[in-house]
Amino acid sequence: TTMRNSAIICLGAVLGTCLIAGLAAYALSHLQVPGSGIVVGYLF
C-alpha cells in the first residue's frame, strides 16, 4: 500500500513541479519580465 501511494505522490509531484518550474524558468530566462531580479531573490 505505501509504495503504491508513494508512486502516486512522486508522479504527481514530478509532473506538477516540472510544469510550474518550467514555465517560471522560461519566463525568467527568455522573456522580459519586470522585476525578474526580485523574483529570483525571492526564490532564493
PDB file of all heavy atoms in Angstrom:
ATOM      1  N   THR A   1       0.827  -1.216   0.000  1.00  0.00           N
ATOM      2  CA  THR A   1       0.000   0.000   0.000  1.00  0.00           C
ATOM      3  C   THR A   1       0.851   1.253   0.000  1.00  0.00           C
ATOM      4  O   THR A   1       0.600   2.193  -0.772  1.00  0.00           O
ATOM      5  CB  THR A   1      -0.930  -0.006   1.225  1.00  0.00           C
ATOM      6  OG1 THR A   1      -1.769  -1.160   1.166  1.00  0.00           O
ATOM      7  CG2 THR A   1      -1.791   1.246   1.246  1.00  0.00           C
ATOM      8  N   THR A   2       1.862   1.300   0.873  1.00  0.00           N
ATOM      9  CA  THR A   2       2.646   2.522   0.996  1.00  0.00           C
ATOM     10  C   THR A   2       3.482   2.809  -0.248  1.00  0.00           C
ATOM     11  O   THR A   2       3.630   3.974  -0.642  1.00  0.00           O
ATOM     12  CB  THR A   2       3.556   2.427   2.228  1.00  0.00           C
ATOM     13  OG1 THR A   2       4.407   1.273   2.112  1.00  0.00           O
ATOM     14  CG2 THR A   2       2.741   2.319   3.502  1.00  0.00           C
ATOM     15  N   MET A   3       4.002   1.770  -0.889  1.00  0.00           N
ATOM     16  CA  MET A   3       4.774   2.005  -2.107  1.00  0.00           C
ATOM     17  C   MET A   3       3.873   2.462  -3.247  1.00  0.00           C
ATOM     18  O   MET A   3       4.282   3.289  -4.072  1.00  0.00           O
ATOM     19  CB  MET A   3       5.534   0.737  -2.502  1.00  0.00           C
ATOM     20  CG  MET A   3       6.636   0.368  -1.525  1.00  0.00           C
ATOM     21  SD  MET A   3       7.581  -1.101  -2.000  1.00  0.00           S
ATOM     22  CE  MET A   3       8.602  -0.432  -3.298  1.00  0.00           C
ATOM     23  N   ARG A   4       2.645   1.966  -3.293  1.00  0.00           N
ATOM     24  CA  ARG A   4       1.704   2.454  -4.309  1.00  0.00           C
ATOM     25  C   ARG A   4       1.384   3.931  -4.075  1.00  0.00           C
ATOM     26  O   ARG A   4       1.373   4.734  -5.012  1.00  0.00           O
ATOM     27  CB  ARG A   4       0.425   1.623  -4.258  1.00  0.00           C
ATOM     28  CG  ARG A   4      -0.638   2.048  -5.276  1.00  0.00           C
ATOM     29  CD  ARG A   4      -1.982   1.495  -4.869  1.00  0.00           C
ATOM     30  NE  ARG A   4      -2.408   2.016  -3.588  1.00  0.00           N
ATOM     31  CZ  ARG A   4      -3.331   1.440  -2.815  1.00  0.00           C
ATOM     32  NH1 ARG A   4      -3.895   0.301  -3.199  1.00  0.00           N
ATOM     33  NH2 ARG A   4      -3.682   1.997  -1.664  1.00  0.00           N
ATOM     34  N   ASN A   5       1.141   4.298  -2.819  1.00  0.00           N
ATOM     35  CA  ASN A   5       0.848   5.697  -2.512  1.00  0.00           C
ATOM     36  C   ASN A   5       2.043   6.592  -2.838  1.00  0.00           C
ATOM     37  O   ASN A   5       1.869   7.696  -3.379  1.00  0.00           O
ATOM     38  CB  ASN A   5       0.477   5.841  -1.038  1.00  0.00           C
ATOM     39  CG  ASN A   5      -0.824   5.148  -0.692  1.00  0.00           C
ATOM     40  OD1 ASN A   5      -1.693   4.964  -1.543  1.00  0.00           O
ATOM     41  ND2 ASN A   5      -0.963   4.749   0.552  1.00  0.00           N
ATOM     42  N   SER A   6       3.252   6.140  -2.516  1.00  0.00           N
ATOM     43  CA  SER A   6       4.440   6.939  -2.817  1.00  0.00           C
ATOM     44  C   SER A   6       4.641   7.088  -4.321  1.00  0.00           C
ATOM     45  O   SER A   6       5.100   8.139  -4.788  1.00  0.00           O
ATOM     46  CB  SER A   6       5.672   6.308  -2.177  1.00  0.00           C
ATOM     47  OG  SER A   6       5.674   6.483  -0.779  1.00  0.00           O
ATOM     48  N   ALA A   7       4.320   6.045  -5.082  1.00  0.00           N
ATOM     49  CA  ALA A   7       4.436   6.152  -6.539  1.00  0.00           C
ATOM     50  C   ALA A   7       3.479   7.213  -7.084  1.00  0.00           C
ATOM     51  O   ALA A   7       3.847   8.014  -7.963  1.00  0.00           O
ATOM     52  CB  ALA A   7       4.164   4.799  -7.181  1.00  0.00           C
ATOM     53  N   ILE A   8       2.247   7.246  -6.555  1.00  0.00           N
ATOM     54  CA  ILE A   8       1.283   8.270  -6.986  1.00  0.00           C
ATOM     55  C   ILE A   8       1.772   9.657  -6.598  1.00  0.00           C
ATOM     56  O   ILE A   8       1.702  10.615  -7.394  1.00  0.00           O
ATOM     57  CB  ILE A   8      -0.095   7.978  -6.369  1.00  0.00           C
ATOM     58  CG1 ILE A   8      -0.645   6.646  -6.892  1.00  0.00           C
ATOM     59  CG2 ILE A   8      -1.076   9.109  -6.672  1.00  0.00           C
ATOM     60  CD1 ILE A   8      -1.924   6.192  -6.213  1.00  0.00           C
ATOM     61  N   ILE A   9       2.279   9.793  -5.380  1.00  0.00           N
ATOM     62  CA  ILE A   9       2.759  11.092  -4.907  1.00  0.00           C
ATOM     63  C   ILE A   9       3.948  11.556  -5.733  1.00  0.00           C
ATOM     64  O   ILE A   9       4.021  12.729  -6.137  1.00  0.00           O
ATOM     65  CB  ILE A   9       3.113  11.005  -3.411  1.00  0.00           C
ATOM     66  CG1 ILE A   9       1.850  10.795  -2.584  1.00  0.00           C
ATOM     67  CG2 ILE A   9       3.838  12.260  -2.946  1.00  0.00           C
ATOM     68  CD1 ILE A   9       2.118  10.491  -1.119  1.00  0.00           C
ATOM     69  N   CYS A  10       4.885  10.667  -5.996  1.00  0.00           N
ATOM     70  CA  CYS A  10       6.070  11.039  -6.776  1.00  0.00           C
ATOM     71  C   CYS A  10       5.695  11.460  -8.189  1.00  0.00           C
ATOM     72  O   CYS A  10       6.219  12.457  -8.710  1.00  0.00           O
ATOM     73  CB  CYS A  10       7.057   9.878  -6.816  1.00  0.00           C
ATOM     74  SG  CYS A  10       7.931   9.600  -5.274  1.00  0.00           S
ATOM     75  N   LEU A  11       4.794  10.719  -8.813  1.00  0.00           N
ATOM     76  CA  LEU A  11       4.391  11.058 -10.176  1.00  0.00           C
ATOM     77  C   LEU A  11       3.707  12.422 -10.216  1.00  0.00           C
ATOM     78  O   LEU A  11       4.015  13.261 -11.067  1.00  0.00           O
ATOM     79  CB  LEU A  11       3.459   9.975 -10.724  1.00  0.00           C
ATOM     80  CG  LEU A  11       2.973  10.172 -12.168  1.00  0.00           C
ATOM     81  CD1 LEU A  11       4.150  10.188 -13.130  1.00  0.00           C
ATOM     82  CD2 LEU A  11       1.979   9.074 -12.554  1.00  0.00           C
ATOM     83  N   GLY A  12       2.783  12.659  -9.284  1.00  0.00           N
ATOM     84  CA  GLY A  12       2.108  13.955  -9.246  1.00  0.00           C
ATOM     85  C   GLY A  12       3.057  15.091  -8.926  1.00  0.00           C
ATOM     86  O   GLY A  12       2.978  16.178  -9.526  1.00  0.00           O
ATOM     87  N   ALA A  13       3.981  14.877  -7.980  1.00  0.00           N
ATOM     88  CA  ALA A  13       4.935  15.929  -7.619  1.00  0.00           C
ATOM     89  C   ALA A  13       5.870  16.248  -8.769  1.00  0.00           C
ATOM     90  O   ALA A  13       6.180  17.419  -9.030  1.00  0.00           O
ATOM     91  CB  ALA A  13       5.722  15.502  -6.380  1.00  0.00           C
ATOM     92  N   VAL A  14       6.334  15.222  -9.483  1.00  0.00           N
ATOM     93  CA  VAL A  14       7.260  15.441 -10.599  1.00  0.00           C
ATOM     94  C   VAL A  14       6.575  16.193 -11.732  1.00  0.00           C
ATOM     95  O   VAL A  14       7.111  17.189 -12.256  1.00  0.00           O
ATOM     96  CB  VAL A  14       7.827  14.097 -11.087  1.00  0.00           C
ATOM     97  CG1 VAL A  14       8.518  14.258 -12.437  1.00  0.00           C
ATOM     98  CG2 VAL A  14       8.793  13.524 -10.067  1.00  0.00           C
ATOM     99  N   LEU A  15       5.382  15.757 -12.119  1.00  0.00           N
ATOM    100  CA  LEU A  15       4.687  16.417 -13.231  1.00  0.00           C
ATOM    101  C   LEU A  15       4.351  17.865 -12.892  1.00  0.00           C
ATOM    102  O   LEU A  15       4.581  18.778 -13.703  1.00  0.00           O
ATOM    103  CB  LEU A  15       3.420  15.635 -13.580  1.00  0.00           C
ATOM    104  CG  LEU A  15       3.631  14.241 -14.170  1.00  0.00           C
ATOM    105  CD1 LEU A  15       2.289  13.559 -14.424  1.00  0.00           C
ATOM    106  CD2 LEU A  15       4.448  14.288 -15.445  1.00  0.00           C
ATOM    107  N   GLY A  16       3.802  18.094 -11.712  1.00  0.00           N
ATOM    108  CA  GLY A  16       3.430  19.454 -11.337  1.00  0.00           C
ATOM    109  C   GLY A  16       4.624  20.369 -11.172  1.00  0.00           C
ATOM    110  O   GLY A  16       4.606  21.525 -11.634  1.00  0.00           O
ATOM    111  N   THR A  17       5.683  19.885 -10.541  1.00  0.00           N
ATOM    112  CA  THR A  17       6.862  20.725 -10.330  1.00  0.00           C
ATOM    113  C   THR A  17       7.545  21.056 -11.646  1.00  0.00           C
ATOM    114  O   THR A  17       7.992  22.194 -11.851  1.00  0.00           O
ATOM    115  CB  THR A  17       7.845  20.023  -9.385  1.00  0.00           C
ATOM    116  OG1 THR A  17       7.188  19.729  -8.144  1.00  0.00           O
ATOM    117  CG2 THR A  17       9.049  20.903  -9.106  1.00  0.00           C
ATOM    118  N   CYS A  18       7.647  20.078 -12.543  1.00  0.00           N
ATOM    119  CA  CYS A  18       8.261  20.346 -13.841  1.00  0.00           C
ATOM    120  C   CYS A  18       7.451  21.372 -14.630  1.00  0.00           C
ATOM    121  O   CYS A  18       8.035  22.249 -15.296  1.00  0.00           O
ATOM    122  CB  CYS A  18       8.407  19.054 -14.634  1.00  0.00           C
ATOM    123  SG  CYS A  18       9.720  17.963 -14.043  1.00  0.00           S
ATOM    124  N   LEU A  19       6.125  21.298 -14.558  1.00  0.00           N
ATOM    125  CA  LEU A  19       5.295  22.262 -15.273  1.00  0.00           C
ATOM    126  C   LEU A  19       5.438  23.661 -14.677  1.00  0.00           C
ATOM    127  O   LEU A  19       5.673  24.641 -15.404  1.00  0.00           O
ATOM    128  CB  LEU A  19       3.834  21.815 -15.228  1.00  0.00           C
ATOM    129  CG  LEU A  19       2.818  22.745 -15.903  1.00  0.00           C
ATOM    130  CD1 LEU A  19       3.121  22.872 -17.391  1.00  0.00           C
ATOM    131  CD2 LEU A  19       1.394  22.236 -15.693  1.00  0.00           C
ATOM    132  N   ILE A  20       5.320  23.770 -13.361  1.00  0.00           N
ATOM    133  CA  ILE A  20       5.408  25.086 -12.712  1.00  0.00           C
ATOM    134  C   ILE A  20       6.801  25.674 -12.881  1.00  0.00           C
ATOM    135  O   ILE A  20       6.964  26.837 -13.290  1.00  0.00           O
ATOM    136  CB  ILE A  20       5.055  24.957 -11.218  1.00  0.00           C
ATOM    137  CG1 ILE A  20       3.595  24.505 -11.060  1.00  0.00           C
ATOM    138  CG2 ILE A  20       5.284  26.272 -10.487  1.00  0.00           C
ATOM    139  CD1 ILE A  20       3.228  24.127  -9.630  1.00  0.00           C
ATOM    140  N   ALA A  21       7.827  24.880 -12.565  1.00  0.00           N
ATOM    141  CA  ALA A  21       9.195  25.387 -12.646  1.00  0.00           C
ATOM    142  C   ALA A  21       9.610  25.653 -14.088  1.00  0.00           C
ATOM    143  O   ALA A  21      10.355  26.608 -14.354  1.00  0.00           O
ATOM    144  CB  ALA A  21      10.153  24.389 -11.999  1.00  0.00           C
ATOM    145  N   GLY A  22       9.127  24.834 -15.032  1.00  0.00           N
ATOM    146  CA  GLY A  22       9.488  25.046 -16.423  1.00  0.00           C
ATOM    147  C   GLY A  22       8.938  26.351 -16.968  1.00  0.00           C
ATOM    148  O   GLY A  22       9.657  27.109 -17.630  1.00  0.00           O
ATOM    149  N   LEU A  23       7.671  26.644 -16.685  1.00  0.00           N
ATOM    150  CA  LEU A  23       7.088  27.904 -17.147  1.00  0.00           C
ATOM    151  C   LEU A  23       7.750  29.104 -16.485  1.00  0.00           C
ATOM    152  O   LEU A  23       8.042  30.116 -17.141  1.00  0.00           O
ATOM    153  CB  LEU A  23       5.581  27.899 -16.870  1.00  0.00           C
ATOM    154  CG  LEU A  23       4.751  26.869 -17.650  1.00  0.00           C
ATOM    155  CD1 LEU A  23       3.295  26.911 -17.211  1.00  0.00           C
ATOM    156  CD2 LEU A  23       4.866  27.108 -19.154  1.00  0.00           C
ATOM    157  N   ALA A  24       7.995  28.993 -15.178  1.00  0.00           N
ATOM    158  CA  ALA A  24       8.638  30.107 -14.480  1.00  0.00           C
ATOM    159  C   ALA A  24      10.069  30.318 -14.956  1.00  0.00           C
ATOM    160  O   ALA A  24      10.512  31.460 -15.159  1.00  0.00           O
ATOM    161  CB  ALA A  24       8.612  29.845 -12.968  1.00  0.00           C
ATOM    162  N   ALA A  25      10.809  29.238 -15.141  1.00  0.00           N
ATOM    163  CA  ALA A  25      12.194  29.368 -15.599  1.00  0.00           C
ATOM    164  C   ALA A  25      12.266  29.931 -17.017  1.00  0.00           C
ATOM    165  O   ALA A  25      13.155  30.735 -17.334  1.00  0.00           O
ATOM    166  CB  ALA A  25      12.888  28.008 -15.531  1.00  0.00           C
ATOM    167  N   TYR A  26      11.326  29.533 -17.879  1.00  0.00           N
ATOM    168  CA  TYR A  26      11.310  30.074 -19.237  1.00  0.00           C
ATOM    169  C   TYR A  26      11.026  31.566 -19.218  1.00  0.00           C
ATOM    170  O   TYR A  26      11.652  32.344 -19.946  1.00  0.00           O
ATOM    171  CB  TYR A  26      10.265  29.342 -20.070  1.00  0.00           C
ATOM    172  CG  TYR A  26      10.063  29.942 -21.441  1.00  0.00           C
ATOM    173  CD1 TYR A  26      11.019  29.771 -22.444  1.00  0.00           C
ATOM    174  CD2 TYR A  26       8.927  30.688 -21.740  1.00  0.00           C
ATOM    175  CE1 TYR A  26      10.846  30.322 -23.699  1.00  0.00           C
ATOM    176  CE2 TYR A  26       8.750  31.245 -22.989  1.00  0.00           C
ATOM    177  CZ  TYR A  26       9.707  31.064 -23.964  1.00  0.00           C
ATOM    178  OH  TYR A  26       9.538  31.615 -25.211  1.00  0.00           O
ATOM    179  N   ALA A  27      10.088  31.996 -18.371  1.00  0.00           N
ATOM    180  CA  ALA A  27       9.773  33.418 -18.291  1.00  0.00           C
ATOM    181  C   ALA A  27      10.955  34.223 -17.753  1.00  0.00           C
ATOM    182  O   ALA A  27      11.248  35.324 -18.234  1.00  0.00           O
ATOM    183  CB  ALA A  27       8.549  33.626 -17.401  1.00  0.00           C
ATOM    184  N   LEU A  28      11.654  33.670 -16.757  1.00  0.00           N
ATOM    185  CA  LEU A  28      12.772  34.408 -16.155  1.00  0.00           C
ATOM    186  C   LEU A  28      14.027  34.399 -17.012  1.00  0.00           C
ATOM    187  O   LEU A  28      14.907  35.237 -16.811  1.00  0.00           O
ATOM    188  CB  LEU A  28      13.095  33.810 -14.779  1.00  0.00           C
ATOM    189  CG  LEU A  28      12.028  33.985 -13.695  1.00  0.00           C
ATOM    190  CD1 LEU A  28      12.421  33.223 -12.437  1.00  0.00           C
ATOM    191  CD2 LEU A  28      11.833  35.462 -13.371  1.00  0.00           C
ATOM    192  N   SER A  29      14.113  33.482 -17.958  1.00  0.00           N
ATOM    193  CA  SER A  29      15.331  33.372 -18.764  1.00  0.00           C
ATOM    194  C   SER A  29      15.181  33.900 -20.181  1.00  0.00           C
ATOM    195  O   SER A  29      16.158  34.362 -20.769  1.00  0.00           O
ATOM    196  CB  SER A  29      15.794  31.912 -18.820  1.00  0.00           C
ATOM    197  OG  SER A  29      14.785  31.086 -19.403  1.00  0.00           O
ATOM    198  N   HIS A  30      13.967  33.861 -20.770  1.00  0.00           N
ATOM    199  CA  HIS A  30      13.797  34.230 -22.171  1.00  0.00           C
ATOM    200  C   HIS A  30      12.760  35.323 -22.402  1.00  0.00           C
ATOM    201  O   HIS A  30      12.550  35.705 -23.552  1.00  0.00           O
ATOM    202  CB  HIS A  30      13.403  32.994 -22.995  1.00  0.00           C
ATOM    203  CG  HIS A  30      14.531  32.045 -23.233  1.00  0.00           C
ATOM    204  ND1 HIS A  30      14.976  31.163 -22.280  1.00  0.00           N
ATOM    205  CD2 HIS A  30      15.335  31.844 -24.321  1.00  0.00           C
ATOM    206  CE1 HIS A  30      15.977  30.445 -22.757  1.00  0.00           C
ATOM    207  NE2 HIS A  30      16.216  30.845 -23.987  1.00  0.00           N
ATOM    208  N   LEU A  31      12.128  35.816 -21.368  1.00  0.00           N
ATOM    209  CA  LEU A  31      11.155  36.886 -21.515  1.00  0.00           C
ATOM    210  C   LEU A  31      11.595  38.094 -20.695  1.00  0.00           C
ATOM    211  O   LEU A  31      12.320  37.958 -19.706  1.00  0.00           O
ATOM    212  CB  LEU A  31       9.760  36.432 -21.063  1.00  0.00           C
ATOM    213  CG  LEU A  31       9.152  35.241 -21.811  1.00  0.00           C
ATOM    214  CD1 LEU A  31       7.785  34.901 -21.238  1.00  0.00           C
ATOM    215  CD2 LEU A  31       9.051  35.504 -23.306  1.00  0.00           C
ATOM    216  N   GLN A  32      11.148  39.253 -21.113  1.00  0.00           N
ATOM    217  CA  GLN A  32      11.448  40.488 -20.399  1.00  0.00           C
ATOM    218  C   GLN A  32      10.416  40.673 -19.285  1.00  0.00           C
ATOM    219  O   GLN A  32       9.414  41.344 -19.435  1.00  0.00           O
ATOM    220  CB  GLN A  32      11.420  41.672 -21.379  1.00  0.00           C
ATOM    221  CG  GLN A  32      12.419  41.574 -22.522  1.00  0.00           C
ATOM    222  CD  GLN A  32      13.856  41.587 -22.022  1.00  0.00           C
ATOM    223  OE1 GLN A  32      14.183  42.210 -21.008  1.00  0.00           O
ATOM    224  NE2 GLN A  32      14.727  40.896 -22.746  1.00  0.00           N
ATOM    225  N   VAL A  33      10.686  40.026 -18.146  1.00  0.00           N
ATOM    226  CA  VAL A  33       9.771  40.089 -17.005  1.00  0.00           C
ATOM    227  C   VAL A  33      10.169  41.257 -16.113  1.00  0.00           C
ATOM    228  O   VAL A  33      11.321  41.306 -15.647  1.00  0.00           O
ATOM    229  CB  VAL A  33       9.803  38.767 -16.214  1.00  0.00           C
ATOM    230  CG1 VAL A  33       8.880  38.843 -15.008  1.00  0.00           C
ATOM    231  CG2 VAL A  33       9.420  37.611 -17.116  1.00  0.00           C
ATOM    232  N   PRO A  34       9.277  42.190 -15.841  1.00  0.00           N
ATOM    233  CA  PRO A  34       9.625  43.290 -14.933  1.00  0.00           C
ATOM    234  C   PRO A  34       9.908  42.763 -13.523  1.00  0.00           C
ATOM    235  O   PRO A  34       9.157  41.954 -12.972  1.00  0.00           O
ATOM    236  CB  PRO A  34       8.363  44.178 -14.951  1.00  0.00           C
ATOM    237  CG  PRO A  34       7.640  43.799 -16.206  1.00  0.00           C
ATOM    238  CD  PRO A  34       7.940  42.347 -16.429  1.00  0.00           C
ATOM    239  N   GLY A  35      10.997  43.220 -12.946  1.00  0.00           N
ATOM    240  CA  GLY A  35      11.356  42.793 -11.598  1.00  0.00           C
ATOM    241  C   GLY A  35      11.816  41.354 -11.519  1.00  0.00           C
ATOM    242  O   GLY A  35      11.628  40.710 -10.481  1.00  0.00           O
ATOM    243  N   SER A  36      12.415  40.840 -12.590  1.00  0.00           N
ATOM    244  CA  SER A  36      12.853  39.437 -12.576  1.00  0.00           C
ATOM    245  C   SER A  36      13.935  39.199 -11.524  1.00  0.00           C
ATOM    246  O   SER A  36      13.999  38.127 -10.925  1.00  0.00           O
ATOM    247  CB  SER A  36      13.372  39.037 -13.955  1.00  0.00           C
ATOM    248  OG  SER A  36      14.449  39.879 -14.350  1.00  0.00           O
ATOM    249  N   GLY A  37      14.784  40.209 -11.296  1.00  0.00           N
ATOM    250  CA  GLY A  37      15.805  40.058 -10.260  1.00  0.00           C
ATOM    251  C   GLY A  37      15.205  39.895  -8.876  1.00  0.00           C
ATOM    252  O   GLY A  37      15.699  39.106  -8.058  1.00  0.00           O
ATOM    253  N   ILE A  38      14.120  40.628  -8.608  1.00  0.00           N
ATOM    254  CA  ILE A  38      13.440  40.498  -7.312  1.00  0.00           C
ATOM    255  C   ILE A  38      12.816  39.105  -7.188  1.00  0.00           C
ATOM    256  O   ILE A  38      12.838  38.491  -6.118  1.00  0.00           O
ATOM    257  CB  ILE A  38      12.374  41.593  -7.166  1.00  0.00           C
ATOM    258  CG1 ILE A  38      13.037  42.978  -7.204  1.00  0.00           C
ATOM    259  CG2 ILE A  38      11.586  41.421  -5.876  1.00  0.00           C
ATOM    260  CD1 ILE A  38      12.059  44.123  -7.164  1.00  0.00           C
ATOM    261  N   VAL A  39      12.261  38.604  -8.290  1.00  0.00           N
ATOM    262  CA  VAL A  39      11.658  37.272  -8.267  1.00  0.00           C
ATOM    263  C   VAL A  39      12.711  36.206  -7.993  1.00  0.00           C
ATOM    264  O   VAL A  39      12.494  35.282  -7.193  1.00  0.00           O
ATOM    265  CB  VAL A  39      10.932  36.994  -9.601  1.00  0.00           C
ATOM    266  CG1 VAL A  39      10.403  35.566  -9.630  1.00  0.00           C
ATOM    267  CG2 VAL A  39       9.798  37.982  -9.800  1.00  0.00           C
ATOM    268  N   VAL A  40      13.878  36.331  -8.622  1.00  0.00           N
ATOM    269  CA  VAL A  40      14.948  35.367  -8.395  1.00  0.00           C
ATOM    270  C   VAL A  40      15.412  35.426  -6.942  1.00  0.00           C
ATOM    271  O   VAL A  40      15.638  34.388  -6.295  1.00  0.00           O
ATOM    272  CB  VAL A  40      16.116  35.623  -9.361  1.00  0.00           C
ATOM    273  CG1 VAL A  40      17.311  34.749  -9.011  1.00  0.00           C
ATOM    274  CG2 VAL A  40      15.684  35.356 -10.795  1.00  0.00           C
ATOM    275  N   GLY A  41      15.551  36.620  -6.395  1.00  0.00           N
ATOM    276  CA  GLY A  41      15.909  36.745  -4.983  1.00  0.00           C
ATOM    277  C   GLY A  41      14.871  36.145  -4.069  1.00  0.00           C
ATOM    278  O   GLY A  41      15.201  35.517  -3.048  1.00  0.00           O
ATOM    279  N   TYR A  42      13.590  36.321  -4.416  1.00  0.00           N
ATOM    280  CA  TYR A  42      12.516  35.720  -3.626  1.00  0.00           C
ATOM    281  C   TYR A  42      12.578  34.196  -3.671  1.00  0.00           C
ATOM    282  O   TYR A  42      12.340  33.528  -2.664  1.00  0.00           O
ATOM    283  CB  TYR A  42      11.169  36.215  -4.144  1.00  0.00           C
ATOM    284  CG  TYR A  42       9.977  35.592  -3.468  1.00  0.00           C
ATOM    285  CD1 TYR A  42       9.580  35.998  -2.200  1.00  0.00           C
ATOM    286  CD2 TYR A  42       9.250  34.581  -4.096  1.00  0.00           C
ATOM    287  CE1 TYR A  42       8.485  35.428  -1.577  1.00  0.00           C
ATOM    288  CE2 TYR A  42       8.159  33.996  -3.476  1.00  0.00           C
ATOM    289  CZ  TYR A  42       7.782  34.435  -2.216  1.00  0.00           C
ATOM    290  OH  TYR A  42       6.709  33.851  -1.597  1.00  0.00           O
ATOM    291  N   LEU A  43      12.919  33.650  -4.828  1.00  0.00           N
ATOM    292  CA  LEU A  43      13.046  32.200  -4.941  1.00  0.00           C
ATOM    293  C   LEU A  43      14.213  31.685  -4.099  1.00  0.00           C
ATOM    294  O   LEU A  43      14.114  30.622  -3.465  1.00  0.00           O
ATOM    295  CB  LEU A  43      13.236  31.805  -6.406  1.00  0.00           C
ATOM    296  CG  LEU A  43      12.029  32.041  -7.316  1.00  0.00           C
ATOM    297  CD1 LEU A  43      12.378  31.695  -8.761  1.00  0.00           C
ATOM    298  CD2 LEU A  43      10.838  31.220  -6.861  1.00  0.00           C
ATOM    299  N   PHE A  44      15.330  32.421  -4.098  1.00  0.00           N
ATOM    300  CA  PHE A  44      16.445  32.036  -3.229  1.00  0.00           C
ATOM    301  C   PHE A  44      16.024  32.065  -1.767  1.00  0.00           C
ATOM    302  O   PHE A  44      16.361  31.159  -0.985  1.00  0.00           O
ATOM    303  CB  PHE A  44      17.634  32.978  -3.448  1.00  0.00           C
ATOM    304  CG  PHE A  44      18.544  32.554  -4.551  1.00  0.00           C
ATOM    305  CD1 PHE A  44      18.611  33.281  -5.732  1.00  0.00           C
ATOM    306  CD2 PHE A  44      19.353  31.435  -4.422  1.00  0.00           C
ATOM    307  CE1 PHE A  44      19.452  32.896  -6.761  1.00  0.00           C
ATOM    308  CE2 PHE A  44      20.200  31.039  -5.442  1.00  0.00           C
ATOM    309  CZ  PHE A  44      20.251  31.774  -6.620  1.00  0.00           C
TER     310      PHE A  44
END
